Amino acid sequence: MMSILRRNTDRFLSQPHQPFFAAGIVWAIVAMTVFILGYKGIVVLSVPPAFFHAYAMLFIVFTPFLTGFIFTTFPRFCQSEVIAPHRWRTRLFVQQAASVFFVAGALVSAWLAAAAAVALFVSQIMIVSVLQRVYETGRASRITPDPVWILAGFHMGLLAHLLFLVTAVAAPSDDTLFRIAAAIGFWLYLTFTVFAVAQRMVPFFSHVMTDKTPAFAATVFAALVAKVVCIVFGLHLLQVFVDAALFFYLLREFRRWKLGALHAPAILWVLHLALYWLPAALAAGALADLAAARGYGENFLSLHLAALGFVTTMLIGFGTRVTLGHSGQTPHADRFAVALFVLVQLTLVARALYAVSIPAGWNALWLFDLSGTFWVLLFFLWGLRYGPVLAVGKNLKNF
């Protein structure tokens, strides 16, 4: 019995994407459930529900997915040696232990949550230090700019994480500091890091031979920095211009790649769809900021279109492809996988409608409940289907 357990544990910890993806799936369910209960007042959180939601999504849910994928692929990007198991396992254990204590602290003690956040920050420093070393020792690091921008995204994550810590420990009631931390964390860490990976991997997976526009990633990063500045200072009209300019820039570039989304296999067209959700989110953001500038109030439509349409769809697509690619079979999306991709879009629609309903004054809390339920169901089904592959490398054909 012990030998079987040890063998399965060794399989589970054989490649970084397996335990990190599994952790992301579990926390996606747990963190959303806790947030819904706190938001509706069913449980009393020791930290503000908005803080819990933003922090948990960024650093407890999405960071494990990003880390598992990047730890697997970044050495290939840089033509460096793979990351030694003991190095990424140490970071996994620190990250997950801190995550447990943060969620527990959010339920019982703000000080426990703050201490756990410090430990999570340390784990992220450890993660970035590994990526920095891979970059510095890689043969291709000076040939292609892509690793630089992936690192830039992770460094923005460190900055956002530090600002969240200051907010939690020194200024829990400072909405301005929280606004800055959340804006940097979402747009310059999460969204840009996923974008930096996607603009390299989606054309590669799609066998697109068209060269990207020079300084493509640098231009997008600069535009997102400008967007964050506008968010922080409430410059709605300027943000309309920034969002509109970036919308047209991204749309022109994606169309120039000629991805052939309508003729691509399902495992690819979902990634193509995710790409186009980013400019769609920016277009919605421009309209929302135009409305805000005219006094109609702010909403989070742009953020949730990007979070669910671009980030979640992209990570589900990448996660499914990587999981299948390491299970001994050709990556493809069967009907179950396609249904999961559709469920992401339904979650997006429900959450987008709820975002619009708030400034409109609708009594539509049921849309919040529906989108949260869809989210939990999405990751429960994803884990149910692909969890055995992540856990022990089991081939889908065998169950």
Protein backbone atom coordinates (compact mmCIF):
# COMPACT_ATOMS: atom_id res chain seq x y z
CA MET A 1 0.00 0.00 0.00
CA MET A 2 2.77 2.42 0.96
CA SER A 3 4.69 1.62 -2.20
CA ILE A 4 1.60 2.38 -4.33
CA LEU A 5 1.07 5.68 -2.49
CA ARG A 6 4.74 6.61 -2.90
CA ARG A 7 4.67 5.73 -6.59
CA ASN A 8 1.53 7.82 -7.19
CA THR A 9 3.02 10.73 -5.24
CA ASP A 10 6.18 10.54 -7.33
CA ARG A 11 4.06 10.62 -10.49
CA PHE A 12 2.04 13.58 -9.21
CA LEU A 13 5.23 15.52 -8.45
CA SER A 14 7.08 14.44 -11.57
CA GLN A 15 6.34 17.58 -13.64
CA PRO A 16 5.57 21.08 -12.33
CA HIS A 17 2.34 21.58 -14.25
CA GLN A 18 0.66 18.65 -12.47
CA PRO A 19 0.58 19.84 -8.83
CA PHE A 20 0.36 23.55 -9.72
CA PHE A 21 -2.62 23.01 -12.04
CA ALA A 22 -4.30 20.77 -9.46
CA ALA A 23 -3.82 23.45 -6.80
CA GLY A 24 -5.29 26.09 -9.11
CA ILE A 25 -8.38 23.97 -9.71
CA VAL A 26 -8.97 23.42 -5.98
CA TRP A 27 -8.47 27.06 -5.08
CA ALA A 28 -10.67 28.26 -7.95
CA ILE A 29 -13.55 26.40 -6.29
CA VAL A 30 -12.68 27.22 -2.67
CA ALA A 31 -11.82 30.90 -3.16
CA MET A 32 -14.93 31.64 -5.21
CA THR A 33 -17.16 29.83 -2.71
CA VAL A 34 -15.70 31.80 0.22
CA PHE A 35 -16.04 35.06 -1.70
CA ILE A 36 -19.69 34.41 -2.60
CA LEU A 37 -20.52 33.59 1.03
CA GLY A 38 -18.71 36.72 2.22
CA TYR A 39 -20.18 38.99 -0.45
CA LYS A 40 -23.72 37.88 0.41
CA GLY A 41 -23.10 38.19 4.16
CA ILE A 42 -23.60 34.49 4.86
CA VAL A 43 -20.18 34.40 6.53
CA VAL A 44 -18.29 37.35 7.98
CA LEU A 45 -14.80 37.71 6.51
CA SER A 46 -11.95 39.22 8.52
CA VAL A 47 -10.84 41.14 5.42
CA PRO A 48 -13.02 43.19 3.03
CA PRO A 49 -14.70 40.88 0.48
CA ALA A 50 -13.34 42.97 -2.44
CA PHE A 51 -9.79 42.60 -1.09
CA PHE A 52 -10.24 38.86 -0.59
CA HIS A 53 -11.62 38.40 -4.09
CA ALA A 54 -8.92 40.39 -5.88
CA TYR A 55 -6.02 38.99 -3.84
CA ALA A 56 -7.18 35.37 -3.88
CA MET A 57 -7.91 35.38 -7.61
CA LEU A 58 -4.54 36.92 -8.47
CA PHE A 59 -2.17 35.10 -6.13
CA ILE A 60 -3.96 31.93 -4.97
CA VAL A 61 -5.99 30.89 -8.03
CA PHE A 62 -4.31 32.23 -11.17
CA THR A 63 -0.68 32.28 -9.98
CA PRO A 64 -0.47 28.47 -9.58
CA PHE A 65 -1.80 28.02 -13.13
CA LEU A 66 0.74 30.54 -14.46
CA THR A 67 3.57 29.06 -12.42
CA GLY A 68 2.89 25.49 -13.50
CA PHE A 69 2.78 26.45 -17.17
CA ILE A 70 5.79 28.78 -17.04
CA PHE A 71 7.95 26.39 -15.02
CA THR A 72 7.25 23.79 -17.73
CA THR A 73 7.79 25.99 -20.79
CA PHE A 74 10.12 28.84 -19.77
CA PRO A 75 13.31 26.72 -19.91
CA ARG A 76 12.37 25.83 -23.51
CA PHE A 77 11.80 29.49 -24.35
CA CYS A 78 15.26 30.32 -23.02
CA GLN A 79 16.97 27.10 -24.18
CA SER A 80 18.04 26.44 -20.60
CA GLU A 81 18.14 23.34 -18.44
CA VAL A 82 14.84 22.25 -16.93
CA ILE A 83 14.11 23.47 -13.42
CA ALA A 84 15.32 20.92 -10.85
CA PRO A 85 12.41 19.20 -9.07
CA HIS A 86 13.58 20.16 -5.57
CA ARG A 87 13.55 23.85 -6.58
CA TRP A 88 9.99 24.00 -7.88
CA ARG A 89 8.66 21.61 -5.23
CA THR A 90 9.93 23.88 -2.44
CA ARG A 91 8.12 26.82 -4.01
CA LEU A 92 4.97 24.75 -4.44
CA PHE A 93 4.87 23.74 -0.78
CA VAL A 94 5.48 27.28 0.52
CA GLN A 95 2.89 28.71 -1.85
CA GLN A 96 0.20 26.18 -0.98
CA ALA A 97 0.78 26.25 2.78
CA ALA A 98 0.52 30.05 2.72
CA SER A 99 -2.66 29.83 0.64
CA VAL A 100 -4.29 27.55 3.21
CA PHE A 101 -3.46 29.94 6.05
CA PHE A 102 -4.62 32.99 4.08
CA VAL A 103 -8.07 31.54 3.38
CA ALA A 104 -8.30 30.32 6.98
CA GLY A 105 -7.26 33.77 8.19
CA ALA A 106 -9.87 35.44 5.99
CA LEU A 107 -12.45 33.40 7.89
CA VAL A 108 -11.13 33.84 11.44
CA SER A 109 -8.33 36.42 11.79
CA ALA A 110 -7.12 39.37 9.73
CA TRP A 111 -3.66 39.09 11.29
CA LEU A 112 -3.37 35.43 10.27
CA ALA A 113 -4.42 36.40 6.75
CA ALA A 114 -1.81 39.19 6.68
CA ALA A 115 0.94 36.85 7.93
CA ALA A 116 -0.03 34.28 5.30
CA ALA A 117 0.05 36.99 2.63
CA VAL A 118 3.63 37.77 3.63
CA ALA A 119 4.50 34.08 3.18
CA LEU A 120 2.76 34.07 -0.21
CA PHE A 121 4.79 37.12 -1.20
CA VAL A 122 7.98 35.27 -0.22
CA SER A 123 6.90 32.28 -2.32
CA GLN A 124 6.39 34.57 -5.30
CA ILE A 125 9.84 36.09 -4.83
CA MET A 126 11.21 32.54 -4.85
CA ILE A 127 9.30 31.77 -8.07
CA VAL A 128 10.57 34.88 -9.83
CA SER A 129 14.14 34.17 -8.69
CA VAL A 130 13.99 30.77 -10.42
CA LEU A 131 12.69 32.33 -13.63
CA GLN A 132 15.38 35.01 -13.46
CA ARG A 133 18.08 32.35 -13.16
CA VAL A 134 16.61 30.36 -16.08
CA TYR A 135 16.63 33.54 -18.17
CA GLU A 136 20.22 34.45 -17.26
CA THR A 137 21.57 30.97 -18.04
CA GLY A 138 19.52 30.36 -21.20
CA ARG A 139 21.13 30.37 -24.63
CA ALA A 140 18.12 31.95 -26.35
CA SER A 141 17.45 34.66 -23.76
CA ARG A 142 19.28 37.32 -25.79
CA ILE A 143 17.88 36.16 -29.15
CA THR A 144 14.14 36.56 -28.60
CA PRO A 145 12.46 39.26 -26.46
CA ASP A 146 9.60 37.00 -25.33
CA PRO A 147 11.26 35.80 -22.08
CA VAL A 148 11.96 39.41 -21.13
CA TRP A 149 8.28 40.30 -21.27
CA ILE A 150 7.20 37.20 -19.38
CA LEU A 151 9.67 38.18 -16.65
CA ALA A 152 8.39 41.76 -16.77
CA GLY A 153 4.88 40.47 -16.08
CA PHE A 154 6.07 38.44 -13.09
CA HIS A 155 7.98 41.43 -11.71
CA MET A 156 4.80 43.50 -11.99
CA GLY A 157 3.17 40.75 -9.95
CA LEU A 158 5.77 41.28 -7.21
CA LEU A 159 5.04 45.02 -7.20
CA ALA A 160 1.30 44.45 -7.00
CA HIS A 161 1.75 41.83 -4.28
CA LEU A 162 3.84 44.25 -2.20
CA LEU A 163 1.15 46.93 -2.51
CA PHE A 164 -1.51 44.42 -1.44
CA LEU A 165 0.63 43.62 1.63
CA VAL A 166 0.93 47.30 2.54
CA THR A 167 -2.83 47.64 2.14
CA ALA A 168 -3.53 44.61 4.32
CA VAL A 169 -1.08 45.46 7.11
CA ALA A 170 -0.77 49.26 7.21
CA ALA A 171 -3.77 50.71 5.38
CA PRO A 172 -6.70 48.26 5.26
CA SER A 173 -9.19 51.10 4.74
CA ASP A 174 -7.18 52.90 2.02
CA ASP A 175 -9.24 52.39 -1.13
CA THR A 176 -6.73 54.30 -3.25
CA LEU A 177 -3.85 51.97 -2.42
CA PHE A 178 -6.07 48.93 -2.98
CA ARG A 179 -7.15 50.39 -6.34
CA ILE A 180 -3.51 50.79 -7.41
CA ALA A 181 -2.56 47.28 -6.27
CA ALA A 182 -5.56 45.71 -8.01
CA ALA A 183 -4.97 47.63 -11.26
CA ILE A 184 -1.29 46.70 -11.44
CA GLY A 185 -2.03 43.12 -10.38
CA PHE A 186 -4.74 42.56 -12.94
CA TRP A 187 -3.56 44.47 -16.02
CA LEU A 188 0.24 44.45 -15.72
CA TYR A 189 0.71 41.10 -13.97
CA LEU A 190 -2.11 38.71 -14.82
CA THR A 191 -3.36 40.03 -18.15
CA PHE A 192 0.03 41.02 -19.55
CA THR A 193 1.78 37.82 -18.46
CA VAL A 194 -0.91 35.68 -20.08
CA PHE A 195 -0.68 37.92 -23.15
CA ALA A 196 3.13 37.60 -23.26
CA VAL A 197 2.81 33.81 -23.28
CA ALA A 198 -0.14 33.76 -25.70
CA GLN A 199 1.45 36.01 -28.32
CA ARG A 200 4.27 33.49 -28.52
CA MET A 201 2.45 30.19 -28.11
CA VAL A 202 -0.81 30.68 -30.03
CA PRO A 203 0.91 31.42 -33.38
CA PHE A 204 3.33 28.56 -32.68
CA PHE A 205 0.53 26.07 -31.95
CA SER A 206 -1.34 27.34 -35.02
CA HIS A 207 1.71 26.94 -37.31
CA VAL A 208 1.56 30.63 -38.27
CA MET A 209 4.72 31.74 -40.06
CA THR A 210 3.96 35.50 -40.13
CA ASP A 211 6.45 37.51 -38.11
CA LYS A 212 4.99 39.62 -35.32
CA THR A 213 5.15 43.40 -35.63
CA PRO A 214 8.45 44.65 -34.14
CA ALA A 215 8.10 45.75 -30.50
CA PHE A 216 4.59 44.26 -30.39
CA ALA A 217 4.78 43.14 -26.75
CA ALA A 218 6.58 46.35 -25.72
CA THR A 219 3.82 48.48 -27.25
CA VAL A 220 1.09 46.51 -25.49
CA PHE A 221 2.95 46.77 -22.17
CA ALA A 222 3.34 50.53 -22.55
CA ALA A 223 -0.36 50.90 -23.39
CA LEU A 224 -1.38 48.84 -20.35
CA VAL A 225 0.86 50.99 -18.14
CA ALA A 226 -0.97 54.04 -19.51
CA LYS A 227 -4.29 52.30 -18.80
CA VAL A 228 -3.29 51.63 -15.19
CA VAL A 229 -2.29 55.30 -14.73
CA CYS A 230 -5.71 56.32 -16.04
CA ILE A 231 -7.45 53.90 -13.67
CA VAL A 232 -5.48 55.13 -10.66
CA PHE A 233 -6.16 58.81 -11.31
CA GLY A 234 -9.68 58.41 -12.68
CA LEU A 235 -8.80 59.83 -16.11
CA HIS A 236 -11.83 58.40 -17.88
CA LEU A 237 -11.61 60.33 -21.14
CA LEU A 238 -7.89 59.59 -21.54
CA GLN A 239 -8.58 55.93 -20.78
CA VAL A 240 -11.17 55.89 -23.57
CA PHE A 241 -8.41 56.92 -25.97
CA VAL A 242 -5.90 54.38 -24.57
CA ASP A 243 -8.39 51.51 -24.70
CA ALA A 244 -9.55 52.40 -28.20
CA ALA A 245 -5.99 52.71 -29.53
CA LEU A 246 -4.96 49.38 -28.00
CA PHE A 247 -8.16 47.76 -29.30
CA PHE A 248 -7.37 48.70 -32.91
CA TYR A 249 -3.68 47.83 -32.51
CA LEU A 250 -4.38 44.33 -31.17
CA LEU A 251 -7.15 43.66 -33.67
CA ARG A 252 -4.93 44.64 -36.59
CA GLU A 253 -2.09 42.42 -35.36
CA PHE A 254 -4.27 39.37 -34.68
CA ARG A 255 -5.89 39.65 -38.11
CA ARG A 256 -2.46 39.97 -39.72
CA TRP A 257 -1.47 36.58 -38.26
CA LYS A 258 -4.23 34.84 -40.30
CA LEU A 259 -4.86 32.22 -37.65
CA GLY A 260 -7.68 30.57 -39.58
CA ALA A 261 -9.83 30.19 -36.48
CA LEU A 262 -12.90 28.93 -38.36
CA HIS A 263 -10.97 25.96 -39.75
CA ALA A 264 -8.81 25.16 -36.71
CA PRO A 265 -9.31 22.13 -34.41
CA ALA A 266 -11.24 22.88 -31.23
CA ILE A 267 -8.09 22.76 -29.08
CA LEU A 268 -6.82 25.73 -31.15
CA TRP A 269 -9.91 27.77 -31.93
CA VAL A 270 -10.58 28.22 -28.23
CA LEU A 271 -7.16 29.90 -27.97
CA HIS A 272 -8.00 32.07 -30.98
CA LEU A 273 -11.29 33.03 -29.33
CA ALA A 274 -9.46 33.93 -26.13
CA LEU A 275 -7.10 36.22 -28.06
CA TYR A 276 -9.99 38.23 -29.46
CA TRP A 277 -11.61 38.61 -26.04
CA LEU A 278 -8.77 40.95 -25.06
CA PRO A 279 -9.54 43.66 -27.64
CA ALA A 280 -13.25 43.07 -26.98
CA ALA A 281 -12.63 43.82 -23.29
CA LEU A 282 -10.78 47.00 -24.22
CA ALA A 283 -13.63 48.12 -26.48
CA ALA A 284 -16.11 47.54 -23.67
CA GLY A 285 -13.79 49.42 -21.33
CA ALA A 286 -13.73 52.42 -23.68
CA LEU A 287 -17.54 52.51 -23.74
CA ALA A 288 -17.77 52.07 -19.96
CA ASP A 289 -15.29 54.89 -19.34
CA LEU A 290 -17.11 57.14 -21.75
CA ALA A 291 -20.27 56.49 -19.74
CA ALA A 292 -18.38 57.10 -16.47
CA ALA A 293 -17.04 60.40 -17.80
CA ARG A 294 -20.65 61.44 -18.44
CA GLY A 295 -21.59 60.64 -14.84
CA TYR A 296 -23.19 57.22 -15.23
CA GLY A 297 -20.93 55.52 -12.70
CA GLU A 298 -18.15 52.95 -13.06
CA ASN A 299 -18.53 49.23 -13.64
CA PHE A 300 -16.17 46.29 -13.92
CA LEU A 301 -17.32 45.08 -17.33
CA SER A 302 -13.93 45.48 -19.03
CA LEU A 303 -12.11 43.75 -16.18
CA HIS A 304 -14.40 40.71 -16.18
CA LEU A 305 -14.43 40.40 -19.96
CA ALA A 306 -10.63 40.27 -19.82
CA ALA A 307 -10.53 38.03 -16.73
CA LEU A 308 -13.03 35.45 -17.99
CA GLY A 309 -12.91 35.89 -21.76
CA PHE A 310 -9.18 36.31 -22.22
CA VAL A 311 -7.35 35.02 -19.11
CA THR A 312 -9.61 32.14 -18.04
CA THR A 313 -10.37 30.93 -21.56
CA MET A 314 -6.66 31.08 -22.44
CA LEU A 315 -5.56 29.27 -19.28
CA ILE A 316 -8.25 26.59 -19.66
CA GLY A 317 -7.14 26.13 -23.28
CA PHE A 318 -3.44 25.99 -22.42
CA GLY A 319 -4.12 23.85 -19.36
CA THR A 320 -6.13 21.32 -21.34
CA ARG A 321 -3.55 21.18 -24.11
CA VAL A 322 -0.58 20.78 -21.75
CA THR A 323 -2.39 18.17 -19.64
CA LEU A 324 -3.33 16.08 -22.67
CA GLY A 325 0.08 16.60 -24.23
CA HIS A 326 1.70 14.98 -21.20
CA SER A 327 -0.77 12.08 -20.93
CA GLY A 328 0.52 10.03 -23.84
CA GLN A 329 -2.02 11.06 -26.48
CA THR A 330 -2.33 13.70 -29.19
CA PRO A 331 -3.82 16.92 -27.76
CA HIS A 332 -7.39 17.44 -28.94
CA ALA A 333 -10.63 18.79 -27.53
CA ASP A 334 -13.45 16.25 -27.36
CA ARG A 335 -17.08 17.18 -26.74
CA PHE A 336 -16.50 17.38 -22.99
CA ALA A 337 -13.63 19.85 -23.42
CA VAL A 338 -15.66 21.93 -25.88
CA ALA A 339 -18.53 21.97 -23.37
CA LEU A 340 -16.12 23.34 -20.75
CA PHE A 341 -15.03 26.08 -23.14
CA VAL A 342 -18.69 26.96 -23.73
CA LEU A 343 -19.27 27.03 -19.97
CA VAL A 344 -16.49 29.63 -19.63
CA GLN A 345 -18.35 31.83 -22.10
CA LEU A 346 -21.65 31.38 -20.23
CA THR A 347 -19.89 32.38 -17.01
CA LEU A 348 -18.57 35.42 -18.83
CA VAL A 349 -22.00 36.45 -20.10
CA ALA A 350 -23.60 36.12 -16.66
CA ARG A 351 -20.82 38.10 -14.95
CA ALA A 352 -20.79 40.79 -17.66
CA LEU A 353 -24.54 41.30 -17.31
CA TYR A 354 -24.15 41.62 -13.54
CA ALA A 355 -21.38 44.22 -14.02
CA VAL A 356 -23.72 46.25 -16.25
CA SER A 357 -26.64 45.85 -13.85
CA ILE A 358 -24.90 47.60 -10.94
CA PRO A 359 -24.63 51.14 -12.40
CA ALA A 360 -27.95 50.61 -14.18
CA GLY A 361 -29.66 50.04 -10.83
CA TRP A 362 -31.14 46.66 -11.73
CA ASN A 363 -32.01 44.22 -8.97
CA ALA A 364 -30.01 41.37 -10.53
CA LEU A 365 -28.08 39.71 -7.71
CA TRP A 366 -29.19 36.40 -9.20
CA LEU A 367 -26.74 37.04 -12.07
CA PHE A 368 -23.93 37.20 -9.52
CA ASP A 369 -25.08 33.88 -8.05
CA LEU A 370 -25.36 32.37 -11.53
CA SER A 371 -21.90 33.44 -12.65
CA GLY A 372 -20.35 32.19 -9.39
CA THR A 373 -22.15 28.86 -9.73
CA PHE A 374 -20.98 28.51 -13.34
CA TRP A 375 -17.40 29.25 -12.23
CA VAL A 376 -17.44 26.61 -9.49
CA LEU A 377 -19.06 24.09 -11.84
CA LEU A 378 -16.47 24.84 -14.53
CA PHE A 379 -13.49 24.00 -12.36
CA PHE A 380 -15.23 21.09 -10.65
CA LEU A 381 -15.89 19.47 -14.04
CA TRP A 382 -12.40 20.32 -15.33
CA GLY A 383 -10.89 18.69 -12.25
CA LEU A 384 -13.22 15.69 -12.46
CA ARG A 385 -12.21 15.07 -16.08
CA TYR A 386 -8.51 15.89 -16.04
CA GLY A 387 -7.66 15.49 -12.34
CA PRO A 388 -6.64 11.82 -12.75
CA VAL A 389 -4.28 12.82 -15.59
CA LEU A 390 -2.68 15.46 -13.37
CA ALA A 391 -2.60 13.21 -10.32
CA VAL A 392 -0.95 10.10 -11.73
CA GLY A 393 -0.48 10.76 -15.43
CA LYS A 394 -3.42 8.51 -16.26
CA ASN A 395 -4.33 8.34 -19.95
CA LEU A 396 -7.89 9.47 -20.71
CA LYS A 397 -8.40 6.39 -22.86
CA ASN A 398 -8.11 4.26 -19.73
CA PHE A 399 -11.05 5.72 -17.82
